Amino acid sequence: MPDIVVIRGGRLADAADSTAPLTDILVEGDTIREIGAPGLEAPEHARTIDAAGMLLHAGLVNGHTHGHGNLAKGMGDRWSLELLLTAAPWIGGNRQLEDKYLTTLIGAAEMLLKGCTACYDLTFEFPAPTVEGIDAVARAYSDAGMRAVVAPMVADTTFYDAIPGLLEALPEKLRQEVAKARLAPAETTLERIRAILEGWSHDTASIRAAVAPTIPHHCSDAFLAGCRDLARAHKVGLHSHVAESKLQAIVGRERYGRTQLAHMDAMGLVGPDFVVAHGVWLDDDDMRRLAAHGASVSHNPGSNALLGSGIADARRMLELGVNLAIGTDGANCSDNQNMYEAMRMAAYASHARGPDTGLWLSTAEIFKAATEGSARALGFERLGRIAPGYKADIVFLDLASINLIPLNDAVNQLVQTEDGSSVHSVMVGGRMVVENRRLVGCDMARLAADAERARERLAAANAGARELFGKLAPVVGSFCPGLMQRPYHVHRFASCAGH
């Protein structure tokens, strides 16, 4: 017989009703069976959870992150996206199997402690994904008690080969150095993905697989087609960084004679299971294509701002019918995994686009994107709401927290004033995974000690890569902005100039 729990006395935050009325919730097993006014009838044997003094909301869903980035948080400053990619061998190199588990667990712990119950993780292994590595990532989420879609992030073209002229701009000695770091052949990577998908042993109610061709022009067309075919054959999602930066948009246009998204659509990659990461430089036609296919965009405003990629037009995406998700991006390029902050950044970014308040995202739209919209992007149909038939992924916020004193408008305050410090408890699938601000089943002192040992070892192992980055950064940091001086037909920077 499934466990039956009745949650009594809490106030329910919902995008459709900002008053947060007192509400009782009946949970059977992992699913919400009924919600109602205080005194909701429950079976005699039901276990009661006292939620008096708590604000309840559906677990936040992170539409885009990179679990491999958690061991690299805070390692960069004043890095563009292209400098971040240049730094990858330094900040993410020489990872052992235990590092892949550890870096993922760090991120899962942070997300759960900050009210996020599910994520879409594009995780990277060099030179190609491995069955063991992806399994370690999936186990970390399972052990933490969090839902996740785990997508090996893959390519068959290096960063330096993907940007026209960049390799030639490097001095010969540096060219020889970067040539040493070659990705696995396309056939090898595709075969590894096939093995991962065919051998998937995790409960797909919580942990699922997907495929992530990292950036379109970092992939040959044959490789993109291979990713598409594997995803379709195994009925899993596709996720790619599309039009994240102006450089990507320009290179895509020069390479394909059309936008990156138009090219991927023509190749049959775009469908209801397709997620665009960032989409800062999408144009209206791109957005219409996504909407027509029922596809999603994960809006990652914090990362877009930190990397100087621009301000995505999330309002236009919604107007044209695109499913909007919200994500944090990786901790190596947004420095935390805080979905409350991501929601607030989404509000600020929409305001920064101009003074017409009618075009700003409302807090209700943002909260819905960070719950229902992100859940749809992950492919979980019964996540993102506290409603009958939905999974019991519920966050308990302490109303005695200064962030919520006084509680004037619950949804406004979730977006505008909450920072994660009010999170008291978190339920995933009817099971408490955070209780009284403590992550159940995770020894945080041991996690910190393990992370420090890994940090020291990796710093020594990657010292040479750090030195190489110091030599490459001036070239990349001047060449790529120069390429972005070229005109493009949409403008997404906050500056008045087009570059």
Protein backbone atom coordinates (compact mmCIF):
# COMPACT_ATOMS: atom_id res chain seq x y z
CA MET A 1 0.00 0.00 0.00
CA PRO A 2 1.49 3.40 -0.95
CA ASP A 3 2.30 5.82 1.82
CA ILE A 4 -0.40 8.45 2.28
CA VAL A 5 0.54 11.86 3.62
CA VAL A 6 -1.58 14.90 4.29
CA ILE A 7 0.19 18.26 4.40
CA ARG A 8 -1.80 20.63 6.59
CA GLY A 9 -1.72 24.32 7.38
CA GLY A 10 0.53 25.61 4.61
CA ARG A 11 -0.13 28.50 2.27
CA LEU A 12 -0.07 27.61 -1.42
CA ALA A 13 1.78 29.85 -3.91
CA ASP A 14 0.50 29.52 -7.45
CA ALA A 15 1.07 31.65 -10.55
CA ALA A 16 -2.71 31.90 -11.05
CA ASP A 17 -3.40 33.17 -7.51
CA SER A 18 -0.90 35.34 -5.67
CA THR A 19 -2.91 35.39 -2.42
CA ALA A 20 -1.45 32.07 -1.23
CA PRO A 21 -4.53 30.69 0.55
CA LEU A 22 -4.29 28.16 3.35
CA THR A 23 -4.39 24.77 1.65
CA ASP A 24 -4.20 21.11 2.63
CA ILE A 25 -2.57 18.64 0.24
CA LEU A 26 -3.18 14.88 0.13
CA VAL A 27 -0.27 12.87 -1.26
CA GLU A 28 -0.50 9.19 -2.12
CA GLY A 29 2.83 7.59 -2.89
CA ASP A 30 4.66 10.00 -5.18
CA THR A 31 1.56 11.79 -6.49
CA ILE A 32 -0.73 14.59 -5.33
CA ARG A 33 -4.24 13.16 -5.09
CA GLU A 34 -6.21 16.13 -3.80
CA ILE A 35 -5.84 19.70 -2.65
CA GLY A 36 -8.43 21.61 -0.67
CA ALA A 37 -9.30 23.97 2.12
CA PRO A 38 -8.03 23.36 5.67
CA GLY A 39 -9.61 20.26 7.15
CA LEU A 40 -9.37 18.30 3.90
CA GLU A 41 -10.59 14.76 4.56
CA ALA A 42 -7.84 12.16 4.69
CA PRO A 43 -7.69 8.44 5.52
CA GLU A 44 -7.25 7.63 9.20
CA HIS A 45 -3.87 6.01 8.59
CA ALA A 46 -2.53 9.04 6.69
CA ARG A 47 0.63 10.56 8.09
CA THR A 48 0.38 14.29 8.79
CA ILE A 49 3.01 16.88 7.95
CA ASP A 50 2.47 20.16 9.79
CA ALA A 51 3.13 22.98 7.32
CA ALA A 52 1.85 25.80 9.52
CA GLY A 53 3.98 28.87 8.96
CA MET A 54 5.14 27.59 5.57
CA LEU A 55 4.66 28.88 2.04
CA LEU A 56 4.41 25.95 -0.37
CA HIS A 57 5.28 26.03 -4.05
CA ALA A 58 5.96 23.52 -6.79
CA GLY A 59 9.60 22.48 -7.05
CA LEU A 60 11.55 24.72 -9.38
CA VAL A 61 12.88 23.05 -12.53
CA ASN A 62 16.24 24.06 -13.97
CA GLY A 63 15.92 24.07 -17.75
CA HIS A 64 19.65 24.14 -18.49
CA THR A 65 22.77 23.41 -16.47
CA HIS A 66 26.12 21.65 -16.72
CA GLY A 67 26.91 19.32 -13.85
CA HIS A 68 30.59 19.15 -14.78
CA GLY A 69 30.87 22.87 -13.97
CA ASN A 70 30.29 22.62 -10.23
CA LEU A 71 33.92 21.86 -9.40
CA ALA A 72 34.88 24.96 -11.42
CA LYS A 73 32.62 27.53 -9.79
CA GLY A 74 34.18 30.96 -9.36
CA MET A 75 37.27 30.19 -11.47
CA GLY A 76 36.73 32.90 -14.06
CA ASP A 77 36.21 36.65 -14.23
CA ARG A 78 35.42 38.84 -17.22
CA TRP A 79 35.10 35.84 -19.49
CA SER A 80 32.98 35.87 -22.61
CA LEU A 81 31.48 32.60 -23.81
CA GLU A 82 34.43 32.14 -26.15
CA LEU A 83 36.95 32.67 -23.34
CA LEU A 84 35.02 30.19 -21.22
CA LEU A 85 35.36 27.61 -24.00
CA THR A 86 39.07 28.42 -24.25
CA ALA A 87 39.42 27.79 -20.50
CA ALA A 88 37.66 24.40 -20.64
CA PRO A 89 40.81 22.21 -20.53
CA TRP A 90 42.02 24.14 -17.47
CA ILE A 91 38.80 24.30 -15.45
CA GLY A 92 37.41 20.91 -16.49
CA GLY A 93 40.34 18.76 -17.52
CA ASN A 94 41.70 15.49 -16.12
CA ARG A 95 38.46 14.45 -14.44
CA GLN A 96 38.43 10.96 -12.95
CA LEU A 97 35.25 8.93 -12.55
CA GLU A 98 34.84 9.97 -8.91
CA ASP A 99 35.16 13.63 -9.96
CA LYS A 100 32.24 13.23 -12.35
CA TYR A 101 30.06 11.90 -9.55
CA LEU A 102 31.30 14.53 -7.08
CA THR A 103 30.84 17.55 -9.33
CA THR A 104 27.29 16.47 -10.10
CA LEU A 105 26.47 15.82 -6.45
CA ILE A 106 27.67 19.30 -5.50
CA GLY A 107 25.24 20.82 -7.99
CA ALA A 108 22.37 18.56 -6.97
CA ALA A 109 22.91 19.48 -3.32
CA GLU A 110 22.88 23.19 -4.10
CA MET A 111 19.78 22.97 -6.27
CA LEU A 112 17.80 20.97 -3.71
CA LEU A 113 18.81 23.25 -0.85
CA LYS A 114 17.61 26.16 -3.00
CA GLY A 115 14.22 24.75 -3.93
CA CYS A 116 14.98 23.12 -7.28
CA THR A 117 13.80 19.53 -7.69
CA ALA A 118 14.67 18.69 -11.31
CA CYS A 119 17.18 19.79 -13.95
CA TYR A 120 18.37 19.29 -17.53
CA ASP A 121 22.09 18.55 -17.26
CA LEU A 122 24.33 18.79 -20.32
CA THR A 123 27.41 17.09 -18.96
CA PHE A 124 30.74 16.88 -20.74
CA GLU A 125 33.46 14.23 -20.89
CA PHE A 126 36.63 14.56 -22.94
CA PRO A 127 37.37 13.27 -25.52
CA ALA A 128 33.99 11.46 -25.69
CA PRO A 129 31.21 10.41 -23.32
CA THR A 130 31.48 7.10 -21.51
CA VAL A 131 28.89 4.71 -20.18
CA GLU A 132 30.60 4.78 -16.78
CA GLY A 133 30.82 8.57 -16.64
CA ILE A 134 27.20 9.21 -17.54
CA ASP A 135 26.13 6.52 -15.10
CA ALA A 136 28.10 8.29 -12.35
CA VAL A 137 26.27 11.52 -13.15
CA ALA A 138 22.88 9.80 -13.05
CA ARG A 139 23.76 8.08 -9.75
CA ALA A 140 24.65 11.40 -8.17
CA TYR A 141 21.20 12.79 -8.91
CA SER A 142 19.53 9.59 -7.75
CA ASP A 143 21.54 9.54 -4.51
CA ALA A 144 20.65 13.18 -3.83
CA GLY A 145 16.97 12.46 -4.43
CA MET A 146 16.59 14.81 -7.39
CA ARG A 147 15.05 14.34 -10.83
CA ALA A 148 17.26 14.98 -13.87
CA VAL A 149 17.58 14.63 -17.59
CA VAL A 150 21.22 13.75 -18.28
CA ALA A 151 22.48 14.56 -21.76
CA PRO A 152 26.06 13.87 -22.85
CA MET A 153 27.23 17.12 -24.47
CA VAL A 154 29.07 16.20 -27.66
CA ALA A 155 30.74 17.54 -30.80
CA ASP A 156 33.11 16.36 -33.49
CA THR A 157 34.74 19.73 -34.26
CA THR A 158 36.95 21.63 -31.85
CA PHE A 159 36.26 25.22 -30.79
CA TYR A 160 39.27 26.44 -32.78
CA ASP A 161 38.24 24.63 -35.95
CA ALA A 162 34.63 25.77 -35.64
CA ILE A 163 35.32 29.52 -35.80
CA PRO A 164 36.57 30.63 -39.22
CA GLY A 165 40.04 32.17 -39.05
CA LEU A 166 40.64 31.59 -35.36
CA LEU A 167 43.16 28.77 -35.79
CA GLU A 168 45.06 30.82 -38.35
CA ALA A 169 45.13 33.78 -35.96
CA LEU A 170 47.07 31.76 -33.39
CA PRO A 171 50.87 31.78 -33.42
CA GLU A 172 52.25 28.52 -34.79
CA LYS A 173 53.36 27.24 -31.39
CA LEU A 174 49.89 27.77 -29.91
CA ARG A 175 48.35 26.18 -32.97
CA GLN A 176 50.39 23.08 -32.29
CA GLU A 177 49.35 23.09 -28.64
CA VAL A 178 45.60 23.26 -29.29
CA ALA A 179 45.91 20.63 -32.02
CA LYS A 180 46.87 18.13 -29.31
CA ALA A 181 43.40 18.32 -27.75
CA ARG A 182 41.34 16.48 -30.34
CA LEU A 183 37.83 15.22 -29.82
CA ALA A 184 37.09 11.58 -30.51
CA PRO A 185 36.04 10.73 -34.07
CA ALA A 186 32.35 11.22 -34.77
CA GLU A 187 31.75 7.49 -35.16
CA THR A 188 33.27 6.78 -31.74
CA THR A 189 31.17 9.42 -30.00
CA LEU A 190 27.95 8.31 -31.66
CA GLU A 191 28.65 4.69 -30.72
CA ARG A 192 29.23 5.75 -27.12
CA ILE A 193 25.91 7.60 -27.07
CA ARG A 194 24.20 4.54 -28.50
CA ALA A 195 25.67 2.39 -25.74
CA ILE A 196 24.54 4.87 -23.08
CA LEU A 197 20.98 4.95 -24.40
CA GLU A 198 20.70 1.20 -24.94
CA GLY A 199 22.10 0.40 -21.51
CA TRP A 200 20.11 2.98 -19.53
CA SER A 201 19.20 1.33 -16.24
CA HIS A 202 17.88 4.25 -14.19
CA ASP A 203 14.23 4.76 -13.32
CA THR A 204 12.95 7.05 -16.07
CA ALA A 205 10.28 8.40 -13.75
CA SER A 206 13.14 10.35 -12.17
CA ILE A 207 16.35 10.08 -14.20
CA ARG A 208 16.25 10.19 -17.99
CA ALA A 209 18.77 10.39 -20.80
CA ALA A 210 18.94 12.83 -23.72
CA VAL A 211 21.41 13.87 -26.42
CA ALA A 212 23.12 17.27 -26.62
CA PRO A 213 25.05 18.24 -29.75
CA THR A 214 26.72 21.14 -28.01
CA ILE A 215 26.72 23.96 -30.62
CA PRO A 216 25.55 23.39 -34.20
CA HIS A 217 28.68 24.65 -35.96
CA HIS A 218 30.85 22.59 -33.61
CA CYS A 219 29.23 19.56 -35.25
CA SER A 220 29.45 18.33 -38.81
CA ASP A 221 26.09 17.81 -40.50
CA ALA A 222 26.68 14.06 -40.48
CA PHE A 223 27.29 14.19 -36.73
CA LEU A 224 24.14 16.29 -36.14
CA ALA A 225 22.18 13.75 -38.17
CA GLY A 226 23.64 10.94 -36.09
CA CYS A 227 22.58 12.67 -32.86
CA ARG A 228 19.11 13.22 -34.30
CA ASP A 229 18.71 9.61 -35.34
CA LEU A 230 19.84 8.26 -31.97
CA ALA A 231 17.51 10.56 -30.07
CA ARG A 232 14.54 9.68 -32.26
CA ALA A 233 15.25 5.94 -32.18
CA HIS A 234 15.40 5.94 -28.39
CA LYS A 235 12.62 8.52 -27.91
CA VAL A 236 14.74 10.92 -25.89
CA GLY A 237 15.22 14.68 -26.06
CA LEU A 238 17.68 16.84 -27.99
CA HIS A 239 19.25 19.94 -26.44
CA SER A 240 21.69 22.36 -28.08
CA HIS A 241 23.23 25.80 -27.56
CA VAL A 242 21.71 27.75 -30.43
CA ALA A 243 22.35 31.45 -31.14
CA GLU A 244 23.77 31.93 -27.66
CA SER A 245 26.27 34.59 -28.70
CA LYS A 246 26.49 36.97 -31.64
CA LEU A 247 29.58 35.09 -32.79
CA GLN A 248 27.56 31.88 -32.98
CA ALA A 249 24.85 33.64 -34.94
CA ILE A 250 27.33 35.15 -37.40
CA VAL A 251 29.29 31.94 -37.91
CA GLY A 252 26.08 29.99 -38.38
CA ARG A 253 24.84 32.41 -41.02
CA GLU A 254 28.17 32.30 -42.87
CA ARG A 255 28.43 28.52 -42.70
CA TYR A 256 24.85 27.59 -43.55
CA GLY A 257 23.57 30.59 -45.49
CA ARG A 258 20.75 30.74 -42.94
CA THR A 259 20.42 30.83 -39.17
CA GLN A 260 21.64 27.97 -37.02
CA LEU A 261 18.05 27.16 -36.04
CA ALA A 262 16.83 27.22 -39.64
CA HIS A 263 19.57 24.77 -40.57
CA MET A 264 18.78 22.43 -37.69
CA ASP A 265 15.10 22.58 -38.57
CA ALA A 266 15.83 21.72 -42.20
CA MET A 267 17.79 18.71 -40.93
CA GLY A 268 14.85 17.51 -38.86
CA LEU A 269 16.31 18.09 -35.40
CA VAL A 270 13.62 20.50 -34.24
CA GLY A 271 10.54 18.92 -32.68
CA PRO A 272 8.55 18.93 -29.44
CA ASP A 273 11.48 17.18 -27.75
CA PHE A 274 14.00 19.86 -28.83
CA VAL A 275 15.37 22.49 -26.45
CA VAL A 276 17.34 25.56 -27.45
CA ALA A 277 19.75 26.70 -24.75
CA HIS A 278 19.94 30.50 -24.49
CA GLY A 279 18.56 31.53 -27.90
CA VAL A 280 19.73 35.11 -27.33
CA TRP A 281 20.19 35.86 -31.05
CA LEU A 282 17.14 34.00 -32.39
CA ASP A 283 15.10 36.04 -34.83
CA ASP A 284 11.32 36.01 -35.27
CA ASP A 285 11.43 33.32 -37.95
CA ASP A 286 13.50 31.12 -35.66
CA MET A 287 10.99 31.59 -32.85
CA ARG A 288 8.07 30.80 -35.17
CA ARG A 289 9.79 27.57 -36.21
CA LEU A 290 10.24 26.57 -32.60
CA ALA A 291 6.63 27.39 -31.77
CA ALA A 292 5.34 25.46 -34.77
CA HIS A 293 7.16 22.35 -33.57
CA GLY A 294 6.19 22.77 -29.91
CA ALA A 295 9.87 23.18 -29.02
CA SER A 296 11.35 25.02 -26.03
CA VAL A 297 13.93 27.66 -25.18
CA SER A 298 15.75 27.58 -21.86
CA HIS A 299 16.22 31.25 -21.00
CA ASN A 300 19.40 31.60 -18.92
CA PRO A 301 19.54 35.31 -18.12
CA GLY A 302 22.24 35.18 -15.44
CA SER A 303 24.72 33.40 -17.68
CA ASN A 304 23.80 35.59 -20.66
CA ALA A 305 24.62 38.67 -18.58
CA LEU A 306 27.78 37.30 -16.99
CA LEU A 307 29.25 36.16 -20.32
CA GLY A 308 28.15 39.31 -22.14
CA SER A 309 26.12 37.30 -24.66
CA GLY A 310 23.24 39.78 -24.73
CA ILE A 311 19.63 39.98 -23.58
CA ALA A 312 17.30 37.36 -25.02
CA ASP A 313 13.87 38.57 -26.14
CA ALA A 314 11.85 36.28 -23.90
CA ARG A 315 8.71 38.38 -24.35
CA ARG A 316 8.77 37.84 -28.11
CA MET A 317 9.29 34.10 -27.58
CA LEU A 318 6.12 33.96 -25.50
CA GLU A 319 4.21 36.14 -27.97
CA LEU A 320 5.07 33.76 -30.81
CA GLY A 321 4.13 30.66 -28.80
CA VAL A 322 7.51 29.22 -27.79
CA ASN A 323 7.55 27.19 -24.59
CA LEU A 324 9.78 29.16 -22.24
CA ALA A 325 11.89 27.46 -19.60
CA ILE A 326 14.35 29.09 -17.21
CA GLY A 327 17.80 27.79 -16.33
CA THR A 328 20.88 28.71 -14.36
CA ASP A 329 23.48 27.42 -16.83
CA GLY A 330 26.56 25.82 -15.30
CA ALA A 331 28.31 26.92 -12.14
CA ASN A 332 31.41 27.60 -14.24
CA CYS A 333 29.60 30.37 -16.13
CA SER A 334 26.94 31.64 -13.73
CA ASP A 335 28.65 30.66 -10.46
CA ASN A 336 25.63 29.30 -8.66
CA GLN A 337 22.68 26.98 -9.18
CA ASN A 338 20.04 29.24 -7.66
CA MET A 339 16.76 29.19 -9.56
CA TYR A 340 15.32 31.99 -7.43
CA GLU A 341 18.13 34.19 -8.65
CA ALA A 342 17.58 33.00 -12.22
CA MET A 343 13.92 34.04 -11.95
CA ARG A 344 14.87 37.46 -10.62
CA MET A 345 17.43 37.88 -13.40
CA ALA A 346 14.73 37.01 -15.92
CA ALA A 347 12.67 39.90 -14.58
CA TYR A 348 15.57 42.34 -14.61
CA ALA A 349 16.66 41.30 -18.10
CA SER A 350 13.20 41.90 -19.53
CA HIS A 351 13.09 45.34 -17.90
CA ALA A 352 16.51 46.20 -19.33
CA ARG A 353 15.20 45.75 -22.88
CA GLY A 354 13.29 49.02 -22.69
CA PRO A 355 10.81 51.21 -20.80
CA ASP A 356 7.55 49.74 -22.15
CA THR A 357 6.28 47.95 -19.06
CA GLY A 358 3.75 46.05 -21.13
CA LEU A 359 6.65 44.14 -22.68
CA TRP A 360 8.22 43.19 -19.37
CA LEU A 361 7.78 39.63 -18.14
CA SER A 362 5.39 39.41 -15.22
CA THR A 363 6.37 37.51 -12.11
CA ALA A 364 3.56 35.04 -12.83
CA GLU A 365 4.99 34.36 -16.31
CA ILE A 366 8.47 33.91 -14.88
CA PHE A 367 7.35 31.57 -12.11
CA LYS A 368 5.36 29.53 -14.60
CA ALA A 369 8.39 29.30 -16.91
CA ALA A 370 10.59 28.12 -14.01
CA THR A 371 8.12 25.38 -13.10
CA GLU A 372 5.69 24.24 -15.81
CA GLY A 373 7.72 25.58 -18.74
CA SER A 374 10.94 23.96 -17.61
CA ALA A 375 9.16 20.71 -16.77
CA ARG A 376 7.81 20.58 -20.32
CA ALA A 377 11.31 21.21 -21.69
CA LEU A 378 12.58 18.25 -19.65
CA GLY A 379 9.79 16.07 -20.99
CA PHE A 380 8.16 15.52 -17.59
CA GLU A 381 4.42 15.92 -18.11
CA ARG A 382 3.36 15.80 -14.46
CA LEU A 383 5.81 18.21 -12.88
CA GLY A 384 5.71 21.92 -12.19
CA ARG A 385 2.35 22.31 -10.47
CA ILE A 386 0.75 21.51 -7.15
CA ALA A 387 -2.42 19.96 -8.50
CA PRO A 388 -4.16 16.56 -8.47
CA GLY A 389 -2.35 14.04 -10.65
CA TYR A 390 0.98 15.87 -10.49
CA LYS A 391 4.06 14.49 -8.77
CA ALA A 392 4.51 15.60 -5.18
CA ASP A 393 7.57 17.80 -5.71
CA ILE A 394 6.92 20.51 -3.13
CA VAL A 395 9.10 23.22 -1.57
CA PHE A 396 8.39 24.45 1.97
CA LEU A 397 9.49 28.05 2.62
CA ASP A 398 9.68 29.39 6.16
CA LEU A 399 7.35 32.37 6.45
CA ALA A 400 9.47 33.60 9.37
CA SER A 401 12.28 34.24 6.88
CA ILE A 402 13.05 37.93 6.43
CA ASN A 403 12.56 37.52 2.66
CA LEU A 404 8.86 36.84 3.22
CA ILE A 405 8.13 39.36 5.97
CA PRO A 406 5.55 40.68 5.29
CA LEU A 407 3.96 38.37 2.73
CA ASN A 408 2.26 40.88 0.45
CA ASP A 409 2.19 38.90 -2.81
CA ALA A 410 3.52 35.35 -2.79
CA VAL A 411 4.42 35.04 -6.47
CA ASN A 412 5.98 38.50 -6.64
CA GLN A 413 8.11 37.67 -3.63
CA LEU A 414 9.22 34.28 -4.94
CA VAL A 415 10.66 36.12 -7.95
CA GLN A 416 11.65 39.46 -6.47
CA THR A 417 12.77 38.82 -2.89
CA GLU A 418 13.49 35.12 -2.35
CA ASP A 419 17.12 33.98 -2.57
CA GLY A 420 16.87 30.39 -1.35
CA SER A 421 17.55 31.15 2.30
CA SER A 422 13.89 30.62 3.19
CA VAL A 423 13.92 26.99 2.03
CA HIS A 424 13.07 24.86 5.05
CA SER A 425 12.20 21.49 3.50
CA VAL A 426 11.85 19.95 0.06
CA MET A 427 9.75 16.98 -1.00
CA VAL A 428 10.44 15.05 -4.21
CA GLY A 429 7.97 12.37 -5.22
CA GLY A 430 6.36 12.40 -1.79
CA ARG A 431 9.66 11.87 0.01
CA MET A 432 11.44 14.53 2.04
CA VAL A 433 14.94 15.08 0.63
CA VAL A 434 15.56 18.31 2.55
CA GLU A 435 14.32 18.56 6.14
CA ASN A 436 14.81 21.53 8.39
CA ARG A 437 17.46 22.95 6.02
CA ARG A 438 19.44 19.69 5.99
CA LEU A 439 19.97 17.58 2.90
CA VAL A 440 18.79 14.10 3.90
CA GLY A 441 21.32 11.38 3.19
CA CYS A 442 24.20 13.74 2.37
CA ASP A 443 27.06 14.51 4.71
CA MET A 444 27.87 18.11 3.79
CA ALA A 445 31.14 18.11 5.76
CA ARG A 446 32.31 15.07 3.81
CA LEU A 447 31.14 16.65 0.55
CA ALA A 448 33.23 19.74 1.31
CA ALA A 449 36.28 17.66 2.20
CA ASP A 450 35.95 15.55 -0.94
CA ALA A 451 35.60 18.68 -3.04
CA GLU A 452 38.69 20.28 -1.51
CA ARG A 453 40.78 17.17 -2.19
CA ALA A 454 39.54 17.11 -5.78
CA ARG A 455 40.23 20.83 -6.18
CA GLU A 456 43.84 20.46 -5.04
CA ARG A 457 44.48 17.43 -7.25
CA LEU A 458 42.87 18.98 -10.32
CA ALA A 459 44.66 22.29 -9.83
CA ALA A 460 47.98 20.45 -9.98
CA ALA A 461 46.95 18.22 -12.88
CA ASN A 462 45.68 21.18 -14.93
CA ALA A 463 48.46 23.65 -14.19
CA GLY A 464 49.80 23.35 -17.72
CA ALA A 465 46.36 23.93 -19.20
CA ARG A 466 46.01 27.03 -17.04
CA GLU A 467 49.28 28.37 -18.35
CA LEU A 468 48.20 27.65 -21.93
CA PHE A 469 44.92 29.49 -21.33
CA GLY A 470 46.92 32.55 -20.27
CA LYS A 471 48.61 32.53 -23.69
CA LEU A 472 45.47 31.81 -25.69
CA ALA A 473 43.15 34.27 -23.97
CA PRO A 474 44.61 37.48 -25.49
CA VAL A 475 44.25 36.08 -29.01
CA VAL A 476 40.74 34.67 -28.51
CA GLY A 477 39.73 37.74 -26.51
CA SER A 478 40.59 40.05 -29.41
CA PHE A 479 39.76 37.87 -32.42
CA CYS A 480 36.22 36.90 -31.40
CA PRO A 481 34.99 40.43 -30.55
CA GLY A 482 36.48 41.51 -33.87
CA LEU A 483 34.41 38.90 -35.67
CA MET A 484 31.34 40.15 -33.81
CA GLN A 485 31.79 43.61 -35.33
CA ARG A 486 30.13 42.21 -38.43
CA PRO A 487 26.49 43.24 -38.78
CA TYR A 488 23.65 40.91 -37.87
CA HIS A 489 19.96 41.47 -38.49
CA VAL A 490 18.90 41.34 -34.83
CA HIS A 491 20.36 43.30 -31.92
CA ARG A 492 20.57 41.84 -28.43
CA PHE A 493 23.23 43.90 -26.65
CA ALA A 494 22.36 46.55 -24.06
CA SER A 495 24.76 48.98 -25.73
CA CYS A 496 23.42 51.41 -28.31
CA ALA A 497 25.88 50.24 -30.95
CA GLY A 498 25.30 47.03 -32.84
CA HIS A 499 28.37 45.32 -31.38
